[in-house]
Protein backbone atom coordinates (compact mmCIF):
# COMPACT_ATOMS: atom_id res chain seq x y z
CA MET A 1 94.40 58.66 101.17
CA HIS A 2 96.65 61.40 102.53
CA LYS A 3 94.52 64.45 103.17
CA MET A 4 95.25 68.08 102.42
CA SER A 5 94.05 68.72 105.94
CA LEU A 6 94.18 72.13 107.50
CA LYS A 7 95.26 70.31 110.64
CA LEU A 8 98.39 68.97 108.95
CA GLN A 9 99.80 72.15 107.40
CA SER A 10 102.66 73.80 109.27
CA LYS A 11 103.83 77.39 109.32
CA ASN A 12 106.77 76.69 107.03
CA GLN A 13 104.35 75.34 104.42
CA VAL A 14 101.86 78.19 104.15
CA ASP A 15 101.47 81.77 105.18
CA SER A 16 100.91 81.64 108.96
CA THR A 17 98.44 84.53 109.07
CA ASP A 18 96.12 82.96 106.51
CA LEU A 19 96.43 79.54 108.11
CA GLU A 20 95.62 80.74 111.60
CA SER A 21 92.60 82.66 110.30
CA VAL A 22 91.20 79.53 108.67
CA LEU A 23 91.98 77.31 111.67
CA ASP A 24 90.47 79.77 114.09
CA ALA A 25 87.31 80.11 111.99
CA SER A 26 86.88 76.34 111.86
CA GLY A 27 87.65 75.79 115.54
CA LEU A 28 90.83 73.82 114.89
CA LEU A 29 93.54 76.20 116.11
CA ASN A 30 94.06 74.51 119.46
CA GLN A 31 93.82 70.89 118.35
CA GLN A 32 96.86 68.68 118.89
CA ARG A 33 98.74 68.10 115.66
CA ASP A 34 101.46 65.78 116.92
CA GLN A 35 98.95 62.91 117.16
CA LEU A 36 98.45 62.90 113.40
CA PRO A 37 100.50 60.68 111.05
CA GLU A 38 103.44 62.18 109.21
CA THR A 39 102.89 63.13 105.59
CA LYS A 40 105.39 63.02 102.78
CA LYS A 41 106.20 66.37 101.23
CA ILE A 42 107.39 67.39 97.79
CA GLU A 43 108.86 70.61 96.45
CA SER A 44 106.45 72.50 94.21
CA LYS A 45 107.26 74.64 91.21
CA ARG A 46 106.47 77.69 93.33
CA GLY A 47 109.43 76.95 95.55
CA ARG A 48 107.63 75.98 98.74
CA GLN A 49 106.63 72.69 100.26
CA VAL A 50 103.09 71.45 99.96
CA ILE A 51 101.47 68.42 101.51
CA SER A 52 101.82 65.51 99.14
CA GLN A 53 98.71 63.97 97.68
CA ARG A 54 98.32 60.62 96.03
CA THR A 55 97.85 61.13 92.34
CA ASN A 56 96.90 58.67 89.64
CA SER A 57 96.52 58.50 85.89
CA LEU A 58 93.78 56.85 83.87
CA LEU A 59 94.41 56.72 80.15
CA GLY A 60 92.60 55.08 77.25
CA VAL A 61 89.37 56.99 77.96
CA GLN A 62 87.77 59.72 75.88
CA ILE A 63 84.91 62.18 76.20
CA VAL A 64 82.87 61.61 73.04
CA SER A 65 80.28 64.34 73.58
CA SER A 66 78.94 66.89 76.03
CA GLY A 67 75.69 68.70 76.74
CA SER A 68 74.36 71.23 79.24
CA TYR A 69 71.10 72.77 80.35
CA VAL A 70 70.07 75.76 82.45
CA PRO A 71 66.51 76.96 83.19
CA ASP A 72 65.08 79.83 81.17
CA ASN A 73 64.39 81.98 84.23
CA VAL A 74 67.18 84.60 84.49
CA VAL A 75 67.64 86.29 87.88
CA THR A 76 69.87 89.36 87.68
CA ASN A 77 71.59 91.22 90.48
CA HIS A 78 69.09 94.04 89.99
CA ASP A 79 66.24 91.55 90.42
CA LEU A 80 67.71 90.61 93.79
CA GLN A 81 67.99 94.28 94.69
CA GLU A 82 64.31 94.87 93.92
CA ARG A 83 63.10 91.77 95.74
CA PHE A 84 65.42 91.60 98.76
CA GLY A 85 67.43 94.81 98.82
CA PHE A 86 70.74 93.19 97.88
CA ASP A 87 73.49 95.51 96.61
CA PRO A 88 74.15 94.53 92.95
CA GLU A 89 77.54 96.26 92.85
CA TRP A 90 78.68 94.39 95.96
CA ILE A 91 77.71 91.06 94.38
CA GLU A 92 79.56 91.82 91.15
CA GLN A 93 82.70 93.14 92.85
CA ARG A 94 82.94 90.33 95.39
CA THR A 95 81.96 87.41 93.14
CA GLY A 96 81.94 88.42 89.47
CA ILE A 97 78.33 87.22 89.14
CA LEU A 98 75.87 89.32 87.15
CA GLU A 99 73.00 86.84 86.88
CA ARG A 100 72.02 83.25 87.55
CA ARG A 101 69.26 80.83 86.51
CA HIS A 102 66.51 79.59 88.83
CA ALA A 103 64.35 76.57 88.08
CA PRO A 104 60.56 77.08 88.09
CA PRO A 105 58.55 75.32 90.85
CA GLU A 106 57.70 72.34 88.67
CA MET A 107 61.35 71.62 87.78
CA ALA A 108 63.75 69.62 89.97
CA THR A 109 67.34 68.39 89.72
CA SER A 110 66.44 65.28 87.72
CA ASP A 111 64.75 67.46 85.09
CA LEU A 112 67.91 69.54 84.67
CA CYS A 113 70.04 66.39 84.41
CA TYR A 114 67.67 64.75 81.92
CA GLU A 115 67.81 67.73 79.56
CA ALA A 116 71.62 67.92 79.72
CA ALA A 117 71.87 64.18 79.09
CA LEU A 118 69.61 64.40 76.04
CA LYS A 119 71.89 67.01 74.49
CA ALA A 120 75.00 64.90 75.10
CA ILE A 121 73.31 61.81 73.62
CA ARG A 122 72.16 63.70 70.53
CA ALA A 123 75.59 65.28 70.08
CA ALA A 124 77.20 61.82 70.10
CA ARG A 125 74.56 60.45 67.72
CA VAL A 126 74.17 57.31 69.80
CA SER A 127 71.12 55.46 71.03
CA PRO A 128 70.26 55.51 74.75
CA GLU A 129 70.27 51.71 74.44
CA ASP A 130 74.06 51.85 74.01
CA ILE A 131 74.61 53.47 77.42
CA ASP A 132 75.51 50.89 80.06
CA LEU A 133 76.37 53.09 83.08
CA LEU A 134 74.94 56.28 84.59
CA ILE A 135 76.54 58.27 87.41
CA VAL A 136 75.12 61.60 88.63
CA GLY A 137 77.08 64.01 90.81
CA THR A 138 74.59 66.02 92.88
CA PHE A 139 73.91 67.14 96.43
CA THR A 140 70.39 68.43 95.77
CA PRO A 141 68.44 65.27 94.87
CA ASP A 142 64.73 65.36 94.09
CA PHE A 143 64.14 63.01 97.04
CA GLN A 144 66.18 61.34 99.76
CA CYS A 145 65.38 58.23 97.76
CA PRO A 146 65.13 57.20 95.00
CA SER A 147 68.29 58.67 93.48
CA VAL A 148 68.34 61.32 90.78
CA ALA A 149 70.22 58.79 88.63
CA CYS A 150 67.39 56.27 88.79
CA LEU A 151 64.85 58.93 87.84
CA VAL A 152 66.97 59.96 84.84
CA GLN A 153 67.61 56.32 83.89
CA ASP A 154 63.88 55.70 83.72
CA ARG A 155 63.13 58.78 81.62
CA LEU A 156 65.93 57.98 79.17
CA GLY A 157 64.96 54.31 79.01
CA LEU A 158 68.48 53.10 79.83
CA ASP A 159 69.40 49.48 80.51
CA ALA A 160 72.12 50.46 82.95
CA PRO A 161 73.02 50.69 86.63
CA ALA A 162 72.39 54.22 87.91
CA ILE A 163 73.77 55.83 91.05
CA ASP A 164 74.17 59.26 92.64
CA LEU A 165 77.55 60.39 93.92
CA GLN A 166 77.57 63.15 96.54
CA ALA A 167 80.63 65.38 96.73
CA ALA A 168 78.86 68.75 96.43
CA CYS A 169 80.69 71.10 94.06
CA ALA A 170 83.35 68.45 93.43
CA GLY A 171 80.64 65.92 92.54
CA PHE A 172 81.17 65.94 88.79
CA MET A 173 84.91 65.35 89.11
CA TYR A 174 84.32 62.40 91.44
CA ALA A 175 81.66 61.03 89.08
CA LEU A 176 83.95 61.49 86.06
CA VAL A 177 86.84 59.66 87.71
CA THR A 178 84.55 56.86 88.91
CA ALA A 179 82.94 56.31 85.51
CA ALA A 180 86.35 56.43 83.81
CA GLN A 181 87.47 53.45 85.94
CA TYR A 182 84.61 51.37 84.52
CA VAL A 183 85.40 52.39 80.95
CA ALA A 184 89.17 51.89 81.27
CA THR A 185 88.73 48.38 82.68
CA GLY A 186 86.22 47.39 80.02
CA ASN A 187 83.31 47.13 82.43
CA SER A 188 81.50 49.93 80.62
CA LYS A 189 81.50 50.64 76.91
CA LEU A 190 79.56 53.91 77.05
CA ALA A 191 79.10 55.75 80.35
CA LEU A 192 76.89 58.77 80.92
CA VAL A 193 78.23 61.17 83.56
CA ILE A 194 76.07 64.05 84.76
CA GLY A 195 76.64 66.86 87.23
CA GLY A 196 73.65 68.93 88.26
CA ASP A 197 72.10 70.83 91.13
CA CYS A 198 69.00 72.86 91.87
CA ASN A 199 70.62 75.19 94.40
CA SER A 200 67.79 77.71 94.52
CA ARG A 201 65.81 75.18 96.61
CA ILE A 202 68.39 74.86 99.37
CA VAL A 203 69.48 78.47 99.93
CA ASN A 204 67.59 81.02 101.97
CA PRO A 205 66.48 83.54 99.31
CA GLU A 206 66.85 86.36 101.84
CA ASP A 207 70.41 85.47 102.87
CA ARG A 208 72.48 88.12 101.11
CA ARG A 209 75.73 86.27 101.94
CA VAL A 210 74.76 83.01 100.22
CA ALA A 211 71.70 83.32 97.95
CA PRO A 212 73.30 85.56 95.26
CA LEU A 213 76.13 83.07 94.74
CA PHE A 214 74.14 80.09 93.50
CA GLY A 215 72.21 79.12 90.40
CA ASP A 216 70.63 76.00 88.90
CA GLY A 217 71.91 73.90 86.01
CA ALA A 218 73.34 70.61 84.81
CA GLY A 219 75.94 69.29 82.38
CA ALA A 220 76.69 65.85 80.98
CA VAL A 221 79.38 63.94 79.09
CA LEU A 222 79.57 60.52 77.47
CA LEU A 223 82.71 58.44 78.06
CA SER A 224 84.03 55.56 75.98
CA LYS A 225 87.30 53.80 75.25
CA GLY A 226 89.86 56.07 73.64
CA ASP A 227 93.38 56.01 72.28
CA PRO A 228 96.16 55.08 74.74
CA HIS A 229 97.23 58.70 75.13
CA GLN A 230 93.73 60.05 75.83
CA GLY A 231 92.15 60.51 79.25
CA LEU A 232 93.34 61.59 82.66
CA THR A 233 97.11 61.96 82.46
CA CYS A 234 97.14 62.91 86.13
CA TYR A 235 94.36 63.44 88.64
CA GLN A 236 93.83 63.94 92.32
CA THR A 237 90.73 63.59 94.47
CA GLY A 238 90.90 64.60 98.10
CA SER A 239 88.90 65.46 101.17
CA ASP A 240 89.27 67.26 104.49
CA GLY A 241 86.31 66.49 106.72
CA SER A 242 87.78 68.64 109.50
CA GLY A 243 86.28 71.59 107.64
CA CYS A 244 82.83 70.06 107.26
CA SER A 245 81.13 72.75 109.34
CA LEU A 246 82.38 75.53 107.07
CA LEU A 247 79.80 74.63 104.42
CA ASP A 248 76.83 72.52 105.49
CA ARG A 249 73.09 72.13 105.96
CA PRO A 250 72.74 71.71 109.75
CA SER A 251 69.23 70.24 109.73
CA GLY A 252 67.46 67.63 107.66
CA GLY A 253 69.69 64.56 107.90
CA THR A 254 69.72 61.61 110.29
CA ARG A 255 71.94 63.48 112.76
CA ASN A 256 69.47 66.33 113.11
CA PRO A 257 66.12 65.52 111.48
CA ALA A 258 64.32 68.72 110.54
CA THR A 259 61.80 69.98 113.07
CA ALA A 260 59.28 72.77 112.75
CA GLU A 261 61.58 74.89 114.91
CA ASP A 262 64.57 74.19 112.62
CA ILE A 263 62.62 75.14 109.53
CA ALA A 264 61.33 78.32 111.14
CA ALA A 265 64.92 79.24 112.01
CA GLY A 266 66.17 78.38 108.51
CA ARG A 267 68.56 75.66 109.68
CA HIS A 268 67.54 73.46 106.74
CA PHE A 269 69.13 75.95 104.34
CA LEU A 270 72.73 75.93 103.17
CA ASN A 271 75.07 77.53 105.70
CA MET A 272 78.51 78.85 104.77
CA ASP A 273 81.41 80.51 106.53
CA GLY A 274 82.25 82.51 103.43
CA ARG A 275 85.55 83.98 104.56
CA SER A 276 87.05 80.66 105.63
CA VAL A 277 85.74 78.76 102.61
CA PHE A 278 87.19 81.43 100.33
CA LYS A 279 90.66 81.10 101.86
CA TRP A 280 90.53 77.32 101.76
CA ALA A 281 89.37 77.30 98.14
CA VAL A 282 92.10 79.67 96.97
CA ARG A 283 94.79 77.54 98.56
CA THR A 284 93.30 74.23 97.45
CA VAL A 285 92.85 75.26 93.83
CA ALA A 286 96.39 76.64 93.56
CA ASP A 287 98.01 73.75 95.40
CA SER A 288 96.16 70.98 93.56
CA ILE A 289 96.83 72.51 90.14
CA ASP A 290 100.46 73.05 91.08
CA LEU A 291 100.73 69.42 92.14
CA MET A 292 99.33 68.23 88.80
CA LEU A 293 101.95 70.26 86.95
CA THR A 294 104.76 69.18 89.29
CA LYS A 295 103.93 65.47 88.98
CA THR A 296 103.71 65.58 85.18
CA GLY A 297 106.64 67.94 84.61
CA MET A 298 104.35 70.33 82.78
CA SER A 299 104.02 74.09 82.96
CA VAL A 300 100.94 76.25 82.66
CA HIS A 301 101.95 76.88 79.06
CA ASP A 302 101.57 73.17 78.25
CA VAL A 303 97.90 73.28 79.25
CA ASP A 304 95.57 74.45 76.48
CA LEU A 305 92.62 75.43 78.66
CA PHE A 306 91.81 75.75 82.37
CA LEU A 307 88.24 74.96 83.44
CA MET A 308 87.79 75.65 87.14
CA HIS A 309 84.71 75.38 89.32
CA GLN A 310 82.71 78.55 88.77
CA ALA A 311 82.25 79.59 92.40
CA ASN A 312 83.82 83.03 92.67
CA ILE A 313 85.88 84.98 90.13
CA ARG A 314 88.23 86.11 92.89
CA ILE A 315 89.13 82.49 93.65
CA ILE A 316 89.86 81.82 89.99
CA ASP A 317 91.81 85.06 89.56
CA SER A 318 93.87 84.40 92.68
CA ALA A 319 94.84 80.91 91.50
CA CYS A 320 95.78 82.30 88.09
CA GLU A 321 97.92 85.01 89.65
CA GLN A 322 99.74 82.59 91.97
CA LEU A 323 100.45 80.09 89.20
CA GLY A 324 101.07 82.54 86.38
CA ILE A 325 98.19 81.22 84.28
CA PRO A 326 97.49 83.52 81.30
CA ARG A 327 93.92 84.81 81.42
CA GLU A 328 93.34 83.80 77.80
CA LYS A 329 93.78 80.15 78.84
CA VAL A 330 90.88 80.32 81.31
CA PHE A 331 87.26 79.86 80.23
CA ASN A 332 84.61 81.30 82.56
CA ASN A 333 80.81 81.60 82.49
CA LEU A 334 80.38 82.53 86.15
CA ASP A 335 78.97 85.95 85.31
CA ARG A 336 75.91 84.36 83.63
CA TYR A 337 75.20 81.32 85.79
CA GLY A 338 76.77 81.78 89.21
CA ASN A 339 77.76 78.69 91.19
CA THR A 340 75.82 75.71 89.83
CA SER A 341 77.69 73.29 92.14
CA GLY A 342 77.77 69.82 90.51
CA GLY A 343 76.72 71.36 87.20
CA SER A 344 79.52 73.92 87.18
CA ILE A 345 82.36 72.04 85.48
CA PRO A 346 80.32 70.10 82.89
CA ILE A 347 78.46 73.28 81.90
CA VAL A 348 81.65 75.30 81.43
CA LEU A 349 83.24 72.32 79.64
CA ASP A 350 80.31 72.03 77.24
CA GLU A 351 80.31 75.76 76.48
CA ALA A 352 84.06 75.77 75.92
CA PHE A 353 83.77 72.80 73.55
CA GLN A 354 80.83 74.29 71.67
CA SER A 355 82.74 77.55 71.20
CA GLY A 356 85.71 75.73 69.66
CA ARG A 357 88.07 76.14 72.60
CA ILE A 358 88.68 72.38 72.97
CA ASN A 359 90.10 70.26 70.15
CA ARG A 360 91.45 66.76 69.69
CA GLY A 361 94.82 66.36 71.39
CA ASP A 362 94.36 69.36 73.72
CA THR A 363 95.24 69.09 77.40
CA ILE A 364 92.64 70.68 79.66
CA LEU A 365 92.74 71.22 83.40
CA LEU A 366 89.55 70.52 85.38
CA SER A 367 89.27 71.50 89.05
CA GLY A 368 86.25 71.23 91.34
CA PHE A 369 86.07 72.03 95.05
CA GLY A 370 83.44 72.49 97.71
CA ALA A 371 81.59 71.14 100.74
CA GLY A 372 83.02 68.14 102.48
CA LEU A 373 85.49 69.66 102.25
CA ALA A 374 86.26 67.87 98.98
CA TRP A 375 88.06 68.58 95.74
CA GLY A 376 89.02 66.93 92.47
CA THR A 377 91.58 68.17 89.96
CA GLY A 378 92.75 66.50 86.78
CA LEU A 379 94.68 66.99 83.56
CA PHE A 380 92.60 65.52 80.74
CA ARG A 381 94.05 64.91 77.28
CA TRP A 382 91.14 65.30 74.85
């Protein structure tokens, strides 16, 4: 797959000041670029060249129901001020987040996913026995093994293969596309797709740069065969591992098993270069959405609703401004939940559907992006 790699973008493709800032922050500024393969370019609707991505379509698939779940425990910006001295106005102005949900000690990611799945199953009025595939997008599993999916499969009593898919905040989009392949080819008649994360367990609660951004939650959808015009009219999944250090957990894996010293230093917590990730996310969201519209010959006015990863309101607003997306076509719940990572898109999708913002025949735009670096964007005809 051609990559939207920061290493491949040239000065005539993007603003050189922004590009050099990102490259410098990620340690890539002085790397040789002429050793990399050439990439095909296309002209975007915004009148500048972007790096071409492989796109696909996957029709004949429908979302038959959705469900979501967040813990009852609400943590406001003022709560963080009282406990850790964080500035609530700074959090709101920089992120748009007013509160988030934190799971109690006895609750883990599989519990969040199980509750979201139950709601989707009940909404579809189907029996768990009818589900023949389960895929969970998460990067905060209960255990290194077994998978969250297997834990949920057991609790639901499913007779189905169950796997986790790890693409961080893009996890649900990767899981959705993967499950849709099974349904479209007839290898699954009813697939359960869940995105969920318990982020409060992997962030340092005293880190004022990272902790206020994240919350816990999960969302789920059921997929089945649909009409020929339903499904992903165009989608794109991509990755750029050259930016892996911009958002990572340095300790705890097989490369650097956690030691007592690592834990004392907090290296097992999520680490983020916020400034560089922000710039990358703004460009990736705008470029990937633009590519979807360019490839399909659509405009922003042909899309009924935009559902973007709820990471930072400034990222969403910037993409909307660059692409001319009317604010009334964007559904957000970031202010109430913060960044729920894998749960972000299915939660916002479920709330939009429950509020009557999604109807049969609508075209919705889904876009997830995060650690990896990885992203997934798709136009879905409901």
